[in-house]
Amino acid sequence: MSDNRLKVMEAIARRRRITAQYNGTRMTLAPHQLFERHGALFISALNLDKNWRSDEERRLGHFKLDGLSEPELAEEFEPLPSFEAAPPRDDDVLLMAV
């Protein structure tokens, strides 16, 4: 099991933010769930570095785990109030969620 995968799983289980490189860009993510799509692992996470117009506009993005590098656990986060643990698509497989 890769170190990145273990860090992401710990972050989801403990509701901790992750700072990491994602495809060359440094990001702070609040990972809400881990899922599998066509054999690849993804996380659904709130990008905390993105400028949202309002709190109601905030939503989860999907990030391929292979694109994530150098993840570091950071402070705790509260899941989005509207979050419901479910795979994004019908053929995705939910592995874990906050």
C-alpha atoms as a PDB file:
ATOM      1  CA  MET A   1       0.000   0.000   0.000  1.00  0.00           C
ATOM      2  CA  SER A   2       1.459   3.359  -1.002  1.00  0.00           C
ATOM      3  CA  ASP A   3       2.362   5.986   1.571  1.00  0.00           C
ATOM      4  CA  ASN A   4       0.100   8.491  -0.239  1.00  0.00           C
ATOM      5  CA  ARG A   5      -2.861   6.150   0.054  1.00  0.00           C
ATOM      6  CA  LEU A   6      -2.227   5.578   3.754  1.00  0.00           C
ATOM      7  CA  LYS A   7      -1.959   9.331   4.412  1.00  0.00           C
ATOM      8  CA  VAL A   8      -5.212   9.992   2.563  1.00  0.00           C
ATOM      9  CA  MET A   9      -6.989   7.204   4.439  1.00  0.00           C
ATOM     10  CA  GLU A  10      -5.732   8.590   7.757  1.00  0.00           C
ATOM     11  CA  ALA A  11      -6.828  12.099   6.782  1.00  0.00           C
ATOM     12  CA  ILE A  12     -10.351  10.882   5.963  1.00  0.00           C
ATOM     13  CA  ALA A  13     -10.613   8.764   9.120  1.00  0.00           C
ATOM     14  CA  ARG A  14      -9.352  11.589  11.353  1.00  0.00           C
ATOM     15  CA  ARG A  15     -10.975  14.463   9.388  1.00  0.00           C
ATOM     16  CA  ARG A  16      -7.641  16.140   8.786  1.00  0.00           C
ATOM     17  CA  ARG A  17      -6.699  18.486   5.972  1.00  0.00           C
ATOM     18  CA  ILE A  18      -3.941  17.520   3.574  1.00  0.00           C
ATOM     19  CA  THR A  19      -1.402  19.814   2.007  1.00  0.00           C
ATOM     20  CA  ALA A  20       0.073  18.234  -1.102  1.00  0.00           C
ATOM     21  CA  GLN A  21       1.276  18.725  -4.637  1.00  0.00           C
ATOM     22  CA  TYR A  22      -1.436  17.888  -7.145  1.00  0.00           C
ATOM     23  CA  ASN A  23      -0.167  17.719 -10.710  1.00  0.00           C
ATOM     24  CA  GLY A  24       2.519  20.274  -9.825  1.00  0.00           C
ATOM     25  CA  THR A  25       0.324  22.706  -7.864  1.00  0.00           C
ATOM     26  CA  ARG A  26       0.488  23.005  -4.063  1.00  0.00           C
ATOM     27  CA  MET A  27      -3.026  22.592  -2.590  1.00  0.00           C
ATOM     28  CA  THR A  28      -4.781  22.302   0.737  1.00  0.00           C
ATOM     29  CA  LEU A  29      -7.573  19.736   0.563  1.00  0.00           C
ATOM     30  CA  ALA A  30     -10.254  18.569   2.993  1.00  0.00           C
ATOM     31  CA  PRO A  31     -10.745  14.951   1.843  1.00  0.00           C
ATOM     32  CA  HIS A  32     -14.287  13.674   2.406  1.00  0.00           C
ATOM     33  CA  GLN A  33     -14.150  10.266   0.696  1.00  0.00           C
ATOM     34  CA  LEU A  34     -12.006   7.777  -1.177  1.00  0.00           C
ATOM     35  CA  PHE A  35     -13.457   5.903  -4.137  1.00  0.00           C
ATOM     36  CA  GLU A  36     -12.414   3.696  -7.036  1.00  0.00           C
ATOM     37  CA  ARG A  37     -13.239   4.445 -10.666  1.00  0.00           C
ATOM     38  CA  HIS A  38     -12.197   2.026 -13.421  1.00  0.00           C
ATOM     39  CA  GLY A  39      -9.429   0.602 -11.217  1.00  0.00           C
ATOM     40  CA  ALA A  40      -7.972   3.994 -10.223  1.00  0.00           C
ATOM     41  CA  LEU A  41      -8.274   5.635  -6.805  1.00  0.00           C
ATOM     42  CA  PHE A  42      -9.765   9.110  -6.375  1.00  0.00           C
ATOM     43  CA  ILE A  43     -10.611  11.368  -3.458  1.00  0.00           C
ATOM     44  CA  SER A  44     -13.536  13.744  -3.215  1.00  0.00           C
ATOM     45  CA  ALA A  45     -12.189  16.795  -1.439  1.00  0.00           C
ATOM     46  CA  LEU A  46     -12.873  20.458  -0.852  1.00  0.00           C
ATOM     47  CA  ASN A  47     -10.095  22.598  -2.323  1.00  0.00           C
ATOM     48  CA  LEU A  48      -9.519  25.078   0.492  1.00  0.00           C
ATOM     49  CA  ASP A  49      -7.249  27.261  -1.668  1.00  0.00           C
ATOM     50  CA  LYS A  50     -10.011  27.997  -4.172  1.00  0.00           C
ATOM     51  CA  ASN A  51     -11.805  31.332  -3.896  1.00  0.00           C
ATOM     52  CA  TRP A  52     -15.506  30.590  -3.524  1.00  0.00           C
ATOM     53  CA  ARG A  53     -18.051  33.381  -3.926  1.00  0.00           C
ATOM     54  CA  SER A  54     -20.056  32.081  -0.978  1.00  0.00           C
ATOM     55  CA  ASP A  55     -20.078  29.221   1.528  1.00  0.00           C
ATOM     56  CA  GLU A  56     -23.123  27.770  -0.250  1.00  0.00           C
ATOM     57  CA  GLU A  57     -21.147  27.513  -3.503  1.00  0.00           C
ATOM     58  CA  ARG A  58     -18.409  25.327  -2.004  1.00  0.00           C
ATOM     59  CA  ARG A  59     -18.420  21.775  -3.370  1.00  0.00           C
ATOM     60  CA  LEU A  60     -16.183  18.757  -3.589  1.00  0.00           C
ATOM     61  CA  GLY A  61     -13.820  18.174  -6.476  1.00  0.00           C
ATOM     62  CA  HIS A  62     -12.500  14.772  -7.503  1.00  0.00           C
ATOM     63  CA  PHE A  63      -8.746  14.258  -7.494  1.00  0.00           C
ATOM     64  CA  LYS A  64      -6.935  11.218  -8.854  1.00  0.00           C
ATOM     65  CA  LEU A  65      -4.692   9.788  -6.150  1.00  0.00           C
ATOM     66  CA  ASP A  66      -1.884   9.178  -8.681  1.00  0.00           C
ATOM     67  CA  GLY A  67      -1.660  12.958  -9.210  1.00  0.00           C
ATOM     68  CA  LEU A  68      -1.138  13.608  -5.491  1.00  0.00           C
ATOM     69  CA  SER A  69       2.398  13.768  -4.100  1.00  0.00           C
ATOM     70  CA  GLU A  70       4.078  14.757  -0.848  1.00  0.00           C
ATOM     71  CA  PRO A  71       0.862  14.727   1.228  1.00  0.00           C
ATOM     72  CA  GLU A  72       1.172  16.082   4.753  1.00  0.00           C
ATOM     73  CA  LEU A  73      -1.556  15.958   7.388  1.00  0.00           C
ATOM     74  CA  ALA A  74      -2.671  19.330   8.701  1.00  0.00           C
ATOM     75  CA  GLU A  75      -5.372  20.624  11.057  1.00  0.00           C
ATOM     76  CA  GLU A  76      -8.842  19.152  11.440  1.00  0.00           C
ATOM     77  CA  PHE A  77     -11.809  20.167   9.287  1.00  0.00           C
ATOM     78  CA  GLU A  78     -15.577  19.936   9.491  1.00  0.00           C
ATOM     79  CA  PRO A  79     -17.207  18.155   6.535  1.00  0.00           C
ATOM     80  CA  LEU A  80     -19.477  20.196   4.311  1.00  0.00           C
ATOM     81  CA  PRO A  81     -22.981  20.273   5.825  1.00  0.00           C
ATOM     82  CA  SER A  82     -24.453  19.040   2.541  1.00  0.00           C
ATOM     83  CA  PHE A  83     -22.033  16.077   2.269  1.00  0.00           C
ATOM     84  CA  GLU A  84     -23.574  12.620   1.904  1.00  0.00           C
ATOM     85  CA  ALA A  85     -21.242   9.654   1.574  1.00  0.00           C
ATOM     86  CA  ALA A  86     -21.963   8.209  -1.850  1.00  0.00           C
ATOM     87  CA  PRO A  87     -19.904   7.463  -4.935  1.00  0.00           C
ATOM     88  CA  PRO A  88     -20.044  10.302  -7.502  1.00  0.00           C
ATOM     89  CA  ARG A  89     -21.122   7.956 -10.326  1.00  0.00           C
ATOM     90  CA  ASP A  90     -23.168   4.769 -10.316  1.00  0.00           C
ATOM     91  CA  ASP A  91     -20.214   2.639 -11.440  1.00  0.00           C
ATOM     92  CA  ASP A  92     -17.778   4.116  -8.849  1.00  0.00           C
ATOM     93  CA  VAL A  93     -17.020   2.124  -5.689  1.00  0.00           C
ATOM     94  CA  LEU A  94     -16.986   4.010  -2.379  1.00  0.00           C
ATOM     95  CA  LEU A  95     -14.119   2.778  -0.183  1.00  0.00           C
ATOM     96  CA  MET A  96     -14.340   5.110   2.820  1.00  0.00           C
ATOM     97  CA  ALA A  97     -15.774   8.451   3.902  1.00  0.00           C
ATOM     98  CA  VAL A  98     -15.762  10.854   6.849  1.00  0.00           C
END
